[in-house]
């Protein structure tokens, strides 16, 4: 089967549990979804790589949220890659796909042919936001940028904010076969230890910048189980995560057969944006007459573009409640 072929596991997240180790996890494949996310923009290769990594992480993390909830990841830095933002929308009903979208804000003049896309972020923070719907306060958690990848930042977040040792092993990139256009393929495995009873020492962690690591949270048999599972995950090969020849179920048996892996229902994932003219109008309603005047074209039309999907909206200022005249 060709690397560019479509298979049943594309654009899915498969949750699993290692019964022997008390560890849960997910296997994700994003292929067509990632192509659609990145096709909305014309990013330099280094920015594409950062967006691809963040989107794959979002799919892995987002699989646990409830119906109609929204999970957002943001990576903000003081480098040329100023912002990587992703959203994961939980299914509207059981059996329906989740939706994912992503975009980046960057300084094109400062982007060069760097071999290290993560270095373009600089200093900043990694944020997780959870919107549980109307009437509920959104949750926000932050950790400093740490490690050598966005995946490492996500692992540091779960250790620091949730006291849950978490590991991500990811692979992503463009692949092509003769006679076909290059397309994105991405795959990854997430491991997360079950919550532990008891507290964590408040004196600071052993990780970068004093952040917590698994060694600060686990000890004894749970630590041995975690280390063993991670050693097994270290043996995973890139093509096992992104290639079409190994199904996620077979991969789990290959990696963790002695840990008694148990799989649950897979979650399909699709590209999807929540923008609409109604939401754009609601957003513009907070602006002053002067602001709206600055947004109005010479033809007398207010325009707005969605940063995630590129949708273009045009509206009459009068329909927004602003008639012509003095903009002051």
C-alpha atoms as a PDB file:
ATOM      1  CA  UNK A   1       0.000   0.000   0.000  1.00  0.00           C
ATOM      2  CA  UNK A   2       1.386   3.429  -0.917  1.00  0.00           C
ATOM      3  CA  UNK A   3       2.317   5.889   1.805  1.00  0.00           C
ATOM      4  CA  UNK A   4      -0.161   8.382   0.356  1.00  0.00           C
ATOM      5  CA  UNK A   5      -3.102   5.979   0.534  1.00  0.00           C
ATOM      6  CA  UNK A   6      -6.172   6.631   2.642  1.00  0.00           C
ATOM      7  CA  UNK A   7      -6.830   4.028   5.341  1.00  0.00           C
ATOM      8  CA  UNK A   8      -9.555   3.482   7.916  1.00  0.00           C
ATOM      9  CA  UNK A   9      -7.496   4.812  10.831  1.00  0.00           C
ATOM     10  CA  UNK A  10      -6.725   8.170   9.215  1.00  0.00           C
ATOM     11  CA  UNK A  11      -8.064  11.128  11.201  1.00  0.00           C
ATOM     12  CA  UNK A  12      -8.898   9.167  14.338  1.00  0.00           C
ATOM     13  CA  UNK A  13      -7.871   9.090  17.990  1.00  0.00           C
ATOM     14  CA  UNK A  14      -7.902   5.692  19.706  1.00  0.00           C
ATOM     15  CA  UNK A  15      -7.975   5.737  23.540  1.00  0.00           C
ATOM     16  CA  UNK A  16      -6.448   2.815  25.435  1.00  0.00           C
ATOM     17  CA  UNK A  17      -5.415   1.707  28.894  1.00  0.00           C
ATOM     18  CA  UNK A  18      -2.488  -0.412  30.089  1.00  0.00           C
ATOM     19  CA  UNK A  19      -4.163  -2.454  32.806  1.00  0.00           C
ATOM     20  CA  UNK A  20      -0.940  -3.801  34.295  1.00  0.00           C
ATOM     21  CA  UNK A  21       0.632  -0.344  34.657  1.00  0.00           C
ATOM     22  CA  UNK A  22      -2.238   1.940  35.623  1.00  0.00           C
ATOM     23  CA  UNK A  23      -1.458   4.058  32.566  1.00  0.00           C
ATOM     24  CA  UNK A  24      -3.910   5.426  30.014  1.00  0.00           C
ATOM     25  CA  UNK A  25      -3.144   6.779  26.593  1.00  0.00           C
ATOM     26  CA  UNK A  26      -4.189   7.566  23.060  1.00  0.00           C
ATOM     27  CA  UNK A  27      -2.952   6.844  19.566  1.00  0.00           C
ATOM     28  CA  UNK A  28      -3.732   9.548  16.998  1.00  0.00           C
ATOM     29  CA  UNK A  29      -3.543   9.717  13.220  1.00  0.00           C
ATOM     30  CA  UNK A  30      -4.130  13.046  11.463  1.00  0.00           C
ATOM     31  CA  UNK A  31      -3.818  13.034   7.710  1.00  0.00           C
ATOM     32  CA  UNK A  32      -6.592  14.684   5.736  1.00  0.00           C
ATOM     33  CA  UNK A  33      -7.386  16.887   8.751  1.00  0.00           C
ATOM     34  CA  UNK A  34      -3.870  18.245   8.868  1.00  0.00           C
ATOM     35  CA  UNK A  35      -3.860  18.875   5.125  1.00  0.00           C
ATOM     36  CA  UNK A  36      -7.069  20.903   5.491  1.00  0.00           C
ATOM     37  CA  UNK A  37      -5.807  22.842   8.523  1.00  0.00           C
ATOM     38  CA  UNK A  38      -2.629  23.893   6.749  1.00  0.00           C
ATOM     39  CA  UNK A  39      -4.269  24.432   3.337  1.00  0.00           C
ATOM     40  CA  UNK A  40      -6.078  27.463   4.758  1.00  0.00           C
ATOM     41  CA  UNK A  41      -2.754  29.331   4.947  1.00  0.00           C
ATOM     42  CA  UNK A  42       0.549  29.764   3.162  1.00  0.00           C
ATOM     43  CA  UNK A  43       2.938  29.209   6.051  1.00  0.00           C
ATOM     44  CA  UNK A  44       6.726  28.869   5.794  1.00  0.00           C
ATOM     45  CA  UNK A  45       7.844  25.256   6.395  1.00  0.00           C
ATOM     46  CA  UNK A  46       9.033  25.953   9.955  1.00  0.00           C
ATOM     47  CA  UNK A  47       5.656  27.466  10.914  1.00  0.00           C
ATOM     48  CA  UNK A  48       3.831  24.577   9.236  1.00  0.00           C
ATOM     49  CA  UNK A  49       5.810  22.175  11.416  1.00  0.00           C
ATOM     50  CA  UNK A  50       4.841  24.032  14.603  1.00  0.00           C
ATOM     51  CA  UNK A  51       1.160  24.133  13.625  1.00  0.00           C
ATOM     52  CA  UNK A  52       1.226  20.428  12.707  1.00  0.00           C
ATOM     53  CA  UNK A  53       2.744  19.520  16.075  1.00  0.00           C
ATOM     54  CA  UNK A  54       0.242  21.648  17.994  1.00  0.00           C
ATOM     55  CA  UNK A  55      -2.721  20.230  16.043  1.00  0.00           C
ATOM     56  CA  UNK A  56      -1.609  16.655  16.710  1.00  0.00           C
ATOM     57  CA  UNK A  57      -1.199  17.399  20.422  1.00  0.00           C
ATOM     58  CA  UNK A  58      -4.631  19.011  20.498  1.00  0.00           C
ATOM     59  CA  UNK A  59      -6.233  15.898  19.019  1.00  0.00           C
ATOM     60  CA  UNK A  60      -4.501  13.672  21.576  1.00  0.00           C
ATOM     61  CA  UNK A  61      -5.417  15.857  24.547  1.00  0.00           C
ATOM     62  CA  UNK A  62      -8.888  16.847  23.363  1.00  0.00           C
ATOM     63  CA  UNK A  63     -10.237  13.307  23.031  1.00  0.00           C
ATOM     64  CA  UNK A  64     -11.175  13.266  26.743  1.00  0.00           C
ATOM     65  CA  UNK A  65     -13.410  16.362  26.757  1.00  0.00           C
ATOM     66  CA  UNK A  66     -17.172  15.983  26.903  1.00  0.00           C
ATOM     67  CA  UNK A  67     -19.756  16.571  24.203  1.00  0.00           C
ATOM     68  CA  UNK A  68     -19.941  20.148  22.944  1.00  0.00           C
ATOM     69  CA  UNK A  69     -16.986  21.299  25.068  1.00  0.00           C
ATOM     70  CA  UNK A  70     -14.107  23.236  23.525  1.00  0.00           C
ATOM     71  CA  UNK A  71     -10.396  22.750  24.259  1.00  0.00           C
ATOM     72  CA  UNK A  72      -7.860  25.347  23.139  1.00  0.00           C
ATOM     73  CA  UNK A  73      -4.069  25.240  23.182  1.00  0.00           C
ATOM     74  CA  UNK A  74      -1.930  28.346  22.781  1.00  0.00           C
ATOM     75  CA  UNK A  75       1.810  28.754  22.533  1.00  0.00           C
ATOM     76  CA  UNK A  76       2.872  32.381  22.884  1.00  0.00           C
ATOM     77  CA  UNK A  77       6.467  33.540  22.602  1.00  0.00           C
ATOM     78  CA  UNK A  78       8.656  36.575  22.032  1.00  0.00           C
ATOM     79  CA  UNK A  79      10.344  35.050  18.992  1.00  0.00           C
ATOM     80  CA  UNK A  80       9.383  35.178  15.309  1.00  0.00           C
ATOM     81  CA  UNK A  81       6.630  32.586  15.959  1.00  0.00           C
ATOM     82  CA  UNK A  82       4.473  34.794  18.158  1.00  0.00           C
ATOM     83  CA  UNK A  83       1.408  32.563  18.499  1.00  0.00           C
ATOM     84  CA  UNK A  84       0.342  29.025  17.687  1.00  0.00           C
ATOM     85  CA  UNK A  85      -3.356  28.537  18.477  1.00  0.00           C
ATOM     86  CA  UNK A  86      -5.544  25.448  18.136  1.00  0.00           C
ATOM     87  CA  UNK A  87      -9.151  24.615  18.987  1.00  0.00           C
ATOM     88  CA  UNK A  88     -10.749  21.188  19.494  1.00  0.00           C
ATOM     89  CA  UNK A  89     -14.542  21.017  19.542  1.00  0.00           C
ATOM     90  CA  UNK A  90     -16.059  17.989  21.219  1.00  0.00           C
ATOM     91  CA  UNK A  91     -18.655  16.055  19.193  1.00  0.00           C
ATOM     92  CA  UNK A  92     -22.144  17.513  19.084  1.00  0.00           C
ATOM     93  CA  UNK A  93     -23.582  14.045  19.776  1.00  0.00           C
ATOM     94  CA  UNK A  94     -22.357  10.502  20.458  1.00  0.00           C
ATOM     95  CA  UNK A  95     -20.829   8.949  17.373  1.00  0.00           C
ATOM     96  CA  UNK A  96     -20.207  12.248  15.592  1.00  0.00           C
ATOM     97  CA  UNK A  97     -16.682  13.479  14.785  1.00  0.00           C
ATOM     98  CA  UNK A  98     -14.787  16.045  16.802  1.00  0.00           C
ATOM     99  CA  UNK A  99     -13.584  19.155  14.948  1.00  0.00           C
ATOM    100  CA  UNK A 100     -10.184  20.794  15.007  1.00  0.00           C
ATOM    101  CA  UNK A 101      -8.738  24.041  13.635  1.00  0.00           C
ATOM    102  CA  UNK A 102      -5.414  25.886  14.021  1.00  0.00           C
ATOM    103  CA  UNK A 103      -3.513  28.978  12.961  1.00  0.00           C
ATOM    104  CA  UNK A 104      -0.237  30.808  13.584  1.00  0.00           C
ATOM    105  CA  UNK A 105       0.804  34.435  13.913  1.00  0.00           C
ATOM    106  CA  UNK A 106       4.434  35.111  13.021  1.00  0.00           C
ATOM    107  CA  UNK A 107       6.914  37.722  11.858  1.00  0.00           C
ATOM    108  CA  UNK A 108       7.745  36.654   8.302  1.00  0.00           C
ATOM    109  CA  UNK A 109      10.770  38.952   8.125  1.00  0.00           C
ATOM    110  CA  UNK A 110      12.413  37.070  11.003  1.00  0.00           C
ATOM    111  CA  UNK A 111      11.723  33.563   9.707  1.00  0.00           C
ATOM    112  CA  UNK A 112      14.749  31.922   8.120  1.00  0.00           C
ATOM    113  CA  UNK A 113      15.589  28.394   7.036  1.00  0.00           C
ATOM    114  CA  UNK A 114      16.067  27.274  10.622  1.00  0.00           C
ATOM    115  CA  UNK A 115      16.520  23.554  11.338  1.00  0.00           C
ATOM    116  CA  UNK A 116      14.868  24.139  14.727  1.00  0.00           C
ATOM    117  CA  UNK A 117      11.284  25.440  14.374  1.00  0.00           C
ATOM    118  CA  UNK A 118      10.773  25.322  18.152  1.00  0.00           C
ATOM    119  CA  UNK A 119      13.569  27.870  18.581  1.00  0.00           C
ATOM    120  CA  UNK A 120      11.405  30.406  16.708  1.00  0.00           C
ATOM    121  CA  UNK A 121       9.052  30.623  19.709  1.00  0.00           C
ATOM    122  CA  UNK A 122      11.585  32.063  22.149  1.00  0.00           C
ATOM    123  CA  UNK A 123      10.495  32.729  25.720  1.00  0.00           C
ATOM    124  CA  UNK A 124       6.818  32.617  26.586  1.00  0.00           C
ATOM    125  CA  UNK A 125       4.177  30.238  27.840  1.00  0.00           C
ATOM    126  CA  UNK A 126       2.120  27.190  26.952  1.00  0.00           C
ATOM    127  CA  UNK A 127      -1.591  27.506  27.797  1.00  0.00           C
ATOM    128  CA  UNK A 128      -4.541  25.133  27.988  1.00  0.00           C
ATOM    129  CA  UNK A 129      -8.082  26.546  28.019  1.00  0.00           C
ATOM    130  CA  UNK A 130     -11.302  24.588  28.475  1.00  0.00           C
ATOM    131  CA  UNK A 131     -14.728  26.037  27.683  1.00  0.00           C
ATOM    132  CA  UNK A 132     -17.485  23.911  29.234  1.00  0.00           C
ATOM    133  CA  UNK A 133     -20.326  25.894  27.719  1.00  0.00           C
ATOM    134  CA  UNK A 134     -22.732  28.632  28.659  1.00  0.00           C
ATOM    135  CA  UNK A 135     -23.041  29.322  32.377  1.00  0.00           C
ATOM    136  CA  UNK A 136     -19.700  27.696  33.251  1.00  0.00           C
ATOM    137  CA  UNK A 137     -16.469  29.541  33.980  1.00  0.00           C
ATOM    138  CA  UNK A 138     -13.725  28.608  31.509  1.00  0.00           C
ATOM    139  CA  UNK A 139     -10.613  26.898  32.877  1.00  0.00           C
ATOM    140  CA  UNK A 140      -7.145  28.258  32.048  1.00  0.00           C
ATOM    141  CA  UNK A 141      -3.746  26.805  32.921  1.00  0.00           C
ATOM    142  CA  UNK A 142      -0.279  28.078  32.011  1.00  0.00           C
ATOM    143  CA  UNK A 143       3.318  26.838  32.179  1.00  0.00           C
ATOM    144  CA  UNK A 144       6.510  28.453  30.855  1.00  0.00           C
ATOM    145  CA  UNK A 145       7.967  27.349  27.539  1.00  0.00           C
ATOM    146  CA  UNK A 146      10.319  24.498  28.431  1.00  0.00           C
ATOM    147  CA  UNK A 147      12.038  21.593  26.733  1.00  0.00           C
ATOM    148  CA  UNK A 148      12.843  21.321  23.063  1.00  0.00           C
ATOM    149  CA  UNK A 149       9.376  20.920  21.559  1.00  0.00           C
ATOM    150  CA  UNK A 150       5.731  21.864  21.973  1.00  0.00           C
ATOM    151  CA  UNK A 151       5.175  18.234  23.022  1.00  0.00           C
ATOM    152  CA  UNK A 152       7.655  18.719  25.865  1.00  0.00           C
ATOM    153  CA  UNK A 153       5.772  21.869  26.888  1.00  0.00           C
ATOM    154  CA  UNK A 154       2.537  19.876  27.011  1.00  0.00           C
ATOM    155  CA  UNK A 155       4.179  17.217  29.162  1.00  0.00           C
ATOM    156  CA  UNK A 156       5.496  19.882  31.530  1.00  0.00           C
ATOM    157  CA  UNK A 157       2.017  21.418  31.731  1.00  0.00           C
ATOM    158  CA  UNK A 158       0.374  18.165  32.840  1.00  0.00           C
ATOM    159  CA  UNK A 159       3.098  17.474  35.403  1.00  0.00           C
ATOM    160  CA  UNK A 160       3.024  21.004  36.818  1.00  0.00           C
ATOM    161  CA  UNK A 161      -0.666  21.899  36.639  1.00  0.00           C
ATOM    162  CA  UNK A 162      -2.352  18.506  36.991  1.00  0.00           C
ATOM    163  CA  UNK A 163       0.386  16.425  38.704  1.00  0.00           C
ATOM    164  CA  UNK A 164      -0.102  13.827  35.960  1.00  0.00           C
ATOM    165  CA  UNK A 165       3.082  12.390  34.419  1.00  0.00           C
ATOM    166  CA  UNK A 166       2.485  12.607  30.665  1.00  0.00           C
ATOM    167  CA  UNK A 167       4.579  11.665  27.636  1.00  0.00           C
ATOM    168  CA  UNK A 168       4.029  12.423  23.960  1.00  0.00           C
ATOM    169  CA  UNK A 169       5.816  10.657  21.114  1.00  0.00           C
ATOM    170  CA  UNK A 170       5.000  12.347  17.800  1.00  0.00           C
ATOM    171  CA  UNK A 171       5.883  12.104  14.144  1.00  0.00           C
ATOM    172  CA  UNK A 172       4.673  14.386  11.365  1.00  0.00           C
ATOM    173  CA  UNK A 173       5.687  15.674   7.973  1.00  0.00           C
ATOM    174  CA  UNK A 174       4.910  15.728   4.273  1.00  0.00           C
ATOM    175  CA  UNK A 175       5.094  12.554   2.217  1.00  0.00           C
ATOM    176  CA  UNK A 176       4.695  11.975  -1.505  1.00  0.00           C
ATOM    177  CA  UNK A 177       4.423   9.053  -3.861  1.00  0.00           C
ATOM    178  CA  UNK A 178       5.099   9.139  -7.620  1.00  0.00           C
ATOM    179  CA  UNK A 179       2.301  10.840  -9.519  1.00  0.00           C
ATOM    180  CA  UNK A 180       0.664  12.343  -6.430  1.00  0.00           C
ATOM    181  CA  UNK A 181       0.966  15.681  -4.662  1.00  0.00           C
ATOM    182  CA  UNK A 182       2.719  15.763  -1.298  1.00  0.00           C
ATOM    183  CA  UNK A 183       0.375  15.464   1.660  1.00  0.00           C
ATOM    184  CA  UNK A 184       0.695  15.697   5.409  1.00  0.00           C
ATOM    185  CA  UNK A 185       0.788  12.619   7.607  1.00  0.00           C
ATOM    186  CA  UNK A 186       1.006  12.774  11.361  1.00  0.00           C
ATOM    187  CA  UNK A 187       0.787  10.235  14.134  1.00  0.00           C
ATOM    188  CA  UNK A 188       1.481  10.116  17.811  1.00  0.00           C
ATOM    189  CA  UNK A 189       1.148   8.244  21.078  1.00  0.00           C
ATOM    190  CA  UNK A 190       0.257   9.809  24.419  1.00  0.00           C
ATOM    191  CA  UNK A 191       0.907   8.098  27.773  1.00  0.00           C
ATOM    192  CA  UNK A 192      -0.493   9.459  31.028  1.00  0.00           C
ATOM    193  CA  UNK A 193      -0.270   7.972  34.497  1.00  0.00           C
ATOM    194  CA  UNK A 194      -3.473   7.663  36.472  1.00  0.00           C
ATOM    195  CA  UNK A 195      -3.882  10.253  39.258  1.00  0.00           C
ATOM    196  CA  UNK A 196      -1.987   9.425  42.448  1.00  0.00           C
ATOM    197  CA  UNK A 197      -3.170   9.884  46.012  1.00  0.00           C
ATOM    198  CA  UNK A 198      -1.126  12.156  48.264  1.00  0.00           C
ATOM    199  CA  UNK A 199       0.458  15.521  47.616  1.00  0.00           C
ATOM    200  CA  UNK A 200       3.536  16.698  45.782  1.00  0.00           C
ATOM    201  CA  UNK A 201       6.334  18.502  47.569  1.00  0.00           C
ATOM    202  CA  UNK A 202       5.954  22.278  47.256  1.00  0.00           C
ATOM    203  CA  UNK A 203       9.690  22.962  47.213  1.00  0.00           C
ATOM    204  CA  UNK A 204       9.909  22.966  43.434  1.00  0.00           C
ATOM    205  CA  UNK A 205      10.475  20.345  40.804  1.00  0.00           C
ATOM    206  CA  UNK A 206      13.568  18.763  39.320  1.00  0.00           C
ATOM    207  CA  UNK A 207      12.773  19.847  35.773  1.00  0.00           C
ATOM    208  CA  UNK A 208      13.810  22.876  33.755  1.00  0.00           C
ATOM    209  CA  UNK A 209      13.144  26.095  35.654  1.00  0.00           C
ATOM    210  CA  UNK A 210      11.978  24.157  38.703  1.00  0.00           C
ATOM    211  CA  UNK A 211       9.029  22.540  36.908  1.00  0.00           C
ATOM    212  CA  UNK A 212       7.734  19.197  38.147  1.00  0.00           C
ATOM    213  CA  UNK A 213       8.611  15.967  36.350  1.00  0.00           C
ATOM    214  CA  UNK A 214       7.386  12.402  36.741  1.00  0.00           C
ATOM    215  CA  UNK A 215      10.253  11.782  39.204  1.00  0.00           C
ATOM    216  CA  UNK A 216       8.757  14.404  41.548  1.00  0.00           C
ATOM    217  CA  UNK A 217       5.299  12.821  41.400  1.00  0.00           C
ATOM    218  CA  UNK A 218       5.851   9.053  41.253  1.00  0.00           C
ATOM    219  CA  UNK A 219       7.854   6.704  43.461  1.00  0.00           C
ATOM    220  CA  UNK A 220       8.021   3.004  44.187  1.00  0.00           C
ATOM    221  CA  UNK A 221       5.998   0.652  41.975  1.00  0.00           C
ATOM    222  CA  UNK A 222       4.112   3.431  40.084  1.00  0.00           C
ATOM    223  CA  UNK A 223       7.482   4.945  39.103  1.00  0.00           C
ATOM    224  CA  UNK A 224       8.731   1.546  37.934  1.00  0.00           C
ATOM    225  CA  UNK A 225       5.549   1.032  35.875  1.00  0.00           C
ATOM    226  CA  UNK A 226       5.912   4.482  34.301  1.00  0.00           C
ATOM    227  CA  UNK A 227       9.585   3.976  33.436  1.00  0.00           C
ATOM    228  CA  UNK A 228       8.890   0.557  31.922  1.00  0.00           C
ATOM    229  CA  UNK A 229       6.063   1.859  29.724  1.00  0.00           C
ATOM    230  CA  UNK A 230       8.237   4.729  28.532  1.00  0.00           C
ATOM    231  CA  UNK A 231      11.098   2.389  27.663  1.00  0.00           C
ATOM    232  CA  UNK A 232       8.660   0.380  25.557  1.00  0.00           C
ATOM    233  CA  UNK A 233       7.401   3.544  23.849  1.00  0.00           C
ATOM    234  CA  UNK A 234      11.001   4.471  23.045  1.00  0.00           C
ATOM    235  CA  UNK A 235      11.070   1.526  20.610  1.00  0.00           C
ATOM    236  CA  UNK A 236       8.298   2.919  18.402  1.00  0.00           C
ATOM    237  CA  UNK A 237       9.325   3.667  14.831  1.00  0.00           C
ATOM    238  CA  UNK A 238       8.255   6.665  12.790  1.00  0.00           C
ATOM    239  CA  UNK A 239       6.524   4.637  10.079  1.00  0.00           C
ATOM    240  CA  UNK A 240       4.589   2.716  12.741  1.00  0.00           C
ATOM    241  CA  UNK A 241       2.984   5.981  13.817  1.00  0.00           C
ATOM    242  CA  UNK A 242       2.330   7.566  10.422  1.00  0.00           C
ATOM    243  CA  UNK A 243       2.530   4.767   7.861  1.00  0.00           C
ATOM    244  CA  UNK A 244      -0.497   2.861   6.540  1.00  0.00           C
ATOM    245  CA  UNK A 245       0.787  -0.650   7.225  1.00  0.00           C
ATOM    246  CA  UNK A 246       0.402  -0.769  11.034  1.00  0.00           C
ATOM    247  CA  UNK A 247      -3.034  -0.187  12.561  1.00  0.00           C
ATOM    248  CA  UNK A 248      -3.047   1.522  15.983  1.00  0.00           C
ATOM    249  CA  UNK A 249      -4.431  -1.650  17.572  1.00  0.00           C
ATOM    250  CA  UNK A 250      -1.531  -3.676  16.173  1.00  0.00           C
ATOM    251  CA  UNK A 251       0.923  -1.002  17.279  1.00  0.00           C
ATOM    252  CA  UNK A 252      -0.355  -1.180  20.857  1.00  0.00           C
ATOM    253  CA  UNK A 253       0.049  -4.953  20.911  1.00  0.00           C
ATOM    254  CA  UNK A 254       3.549  -4.650  19.464  1.00  0.00           C
ATOM    255  CA  UNK A 255       4.619  -2.053  22.023  1.00  0.00           C
ATOM    256  CA  UNK A 256       2.713  -2.994  25.151  1.00  0.00           C
ATOM    257  CA  UNK A 257       1.528  -6.614  24.906  1.00  0.00           C
ATOM    258  CA  UNK A 258       2.984  -7.411  28.359  1.00  0.00           C
ATOM    259  CA  UNK A 259       1.148  -4.406  29.858  1.00  0.00           C
ATOM    260  CA  UNK A 260      -2.303  -5.801  28.954  1.00  0.00           C
ATOM    261  CA  UNK A 261      -3.485  -3.019  26.585  1.00  0.00           C
ATOM    262  CA  UNK A 262      -7.235  -2.467  26.390  1.00  0.00           C
ATOM    263  CA  UNK A 263      -8.748  -0.210  23.704  1.00  0.00           C
ATOM    264  CA  UNK A 264     -11.939   1.850  23.719  1.00  0.00           C
ATOM    265  CA  UNK A 265     -14.030   3.383  20.951  1.00  0.00           C
ATOM    266  CA  UNK A 266     -12.059   5.447  18.448  1.00  0.00           C
ATOM    267  CA  UNK A 267     -12.960   9.123  18.002  1.00  0.00           C
ATOM    268  CA  UNK A 268     -13.044  10.445  14.414  1.00  0.00           C
ATOM    269  CA  UNK A 269     -11.650  13.949  13.909  1.00  0.00           C
ATOM    270  CA  UNK A 270     -12.435  16.401  11.113  1.00  0.00           C
ATOM    271  CA  UNK A 271     -11.353  19.915  10.181  1.00  0.00           C
ATOM    272  CA  UNK A 272     -13.980  22.401  11.256  1.00  0.00           C
ATOM    273  CA  UNK A 273     -14.315  26.081  12.028  1.00  0.00           C
ATOM    274  CA  UNK A 274     -16.936  27.722  14.219  1.00  0.00           C
ATOM    275  CA  UNK A 275     -16.831  31.164  12.606  1.00  0.00           C
ATOM    276  CA  UNK A 276     -20.033  32.719  11.267  1.00  0.00           C
ATOM    277  CA  UNK A 277     -21.351  36.122  10.263  1.00  0.00           C
ATOM    278  CA  UNK A 278     -23.388  36.205  13.462  1.00  0.00           C
ATOM    279  CA  UNK A 279     -20.255  35.727  15.581  1.00  0.00           C
ATOM    280  CA  UNK A 280     -18.365  38.361  13.578  1.00  0.00           C
ATOM    281  CA  UNK A 281     -21.223  40.825  14.129  1.00  0.00           C
ATOM    282  CA  UNK A 282     -21.200  40.044  17.858  1.00  0.00           C
ATOM    283  CA  UNK A 283     -17.446  40.669  18.009  1.00  0.00           C
ATOM    284  CA  UNK A 284     -17.692  43.953  16.099  1.00  0.00           C
ATOM    285  CA  UNK A 285     -20.448  45.177  18.423  1.00  0.00           C
ATOM    286  CA  UNK A 286     -17.863  45.988  21.125  1.00  0.00           C
ATOM    287  CA  UNK A 287     -16.027  48.473  18.878  1.00  0.00           C
ATOM    288  CA  UNK A 288     -16.631  52.205  18.813  1.00  0.00           C
ATOM    289  CA  UNK A 289     -17.876  54.209  15.835  1.00  0.00           C
ATOM    290  CA  UNK A 290     -14.303  55.421  15.283  1.00  0.00           C
ATOM    291  CA  UNK A 291     -12.940  51.844  15.239  1.00  0.00           C
ATOM    292  CA  UNK A 292     -15.612  50.765  12.757  1.00  0.00           C
ATOM    293  CA  UNK A 293     -14.748  53.746  10.557  1.00  0.00           C
ATOM    294  CA  UNK A 294     -11.121  52.571  10.428  1.00  0.00           C
ATOM    295  CA  UNK A 295     -12.301  49.086   9.390  1.00  0.00           C
ATOM    296  CA  UNK A 296     -14.532  50.418   6.625  1.00  0.00           C
ATOM    297  CA  UNK A 297     -13.226  50.249   3.061  1.00  0.00           C
ATOM    298  CA  UNK A 298     -13.417  53.054   0.503  1.00  0.00           C
ATOM    299  CA  UNK A 299     -16.500  51.297  -0.878  1.00  0.00           C
ATOM    300  CA  UNK A 300     -18.234  51.703   2.498  1.00  0.00           C
ATOM    301  CA  UNK A 301     -18.013  48.026   3.540  1.00  0.00           C
ATOM    302  CA  UNK A 302     -16.687  46.588   6.811  1.00  0.00           C
ATOM    303  CA  UNK A 303     -14.593  43.493   6.153  1.00  0.00           C
ATOM    304  CA  UNK A 304     -13.358  40.741   8.464  1.00  0.00           C
ATOM    305  CA  UNK A 305     -11.395  37.543   7.860  1.00  0.00           C
ATOM    306  CA  UNK A 306     -11.303  34.399  10.013  1.00  0.00           C
ATOM    307  CA  UNK A 307      -7.743  33.651  11.083  1.00  0.00           C
ATOM    308  CA  UNK A 308      -8.455  29.912  11.266  1.00  0.00           C
ATOM    309  CA  UNK A 309     -10.235  29.102   8.005  1.00  0.00           C
ATOM    310  CA  UNK A 310      -9.797  32.253   5.910  1.00  0.00           C
ATOM    311  CA  UNK A 311     -13.524  32.924   5.540  1.00  0.00           C
ATOM    312  CA  UNK A 312     -14.152  36.501   4.355  1.00  0.00           C
ATOM    313  CA  UNK A 313     -17.076  38.548   5.654  1.00  0.00           C
ATOM    314  CA  UNK A 314     -18.413  41.850   4.282  1.00  0.00           C
ATOM    315  CA  UNK A 315     -21.027  43.934   6.114  1.00  0.00           C
ATOM    316  CA  UNK A 316     -22.708  47.295   5.780  1.00  0.00           C
ATOM    317  CA  UNK A 317     -21.770  49.549   8.741  1.00  0.00           C
ATOM    318  CA  UNK A 318     -25.442  50.532   9.005  1.00  0.00           C
ATOM    319  CA  UNK A 319     -26.358  46.879   9.642  1.00  0.00           C
ATOM    320  CA  UNK A 320     -23.893  46.962  12.556  1.00  0.00           C
ATOM    321  CA  UNK A 321     -25.650  49.948  14.077  1.00  0.00           C
ATOM    322  CA  UNK A 322     -23.270  52.590  12.754  1.00  0.00           C
ATOM    323  CA  UNK A 323     -24.540  55.158  10.294  1.00  0.00           C
ATOM    324  CA  UNK A 324     -22.299  57.385   8.270  1.00  0.00           C
ATOM    325  CA  UNK A 325     -20.998  60.698   9.520  1.00  0.00           C
ATOM    326  CA  UNK A 326     -18.413  61.847  12.038  1.00  0.00           C
ATOM    327  CA  UNK A 327     -16.243  58.948  13.178  1.00  0.00           C
ATOM    328  CA  UNK A 328     -15.035  60.767  16.261  1.00  0.00           C
END
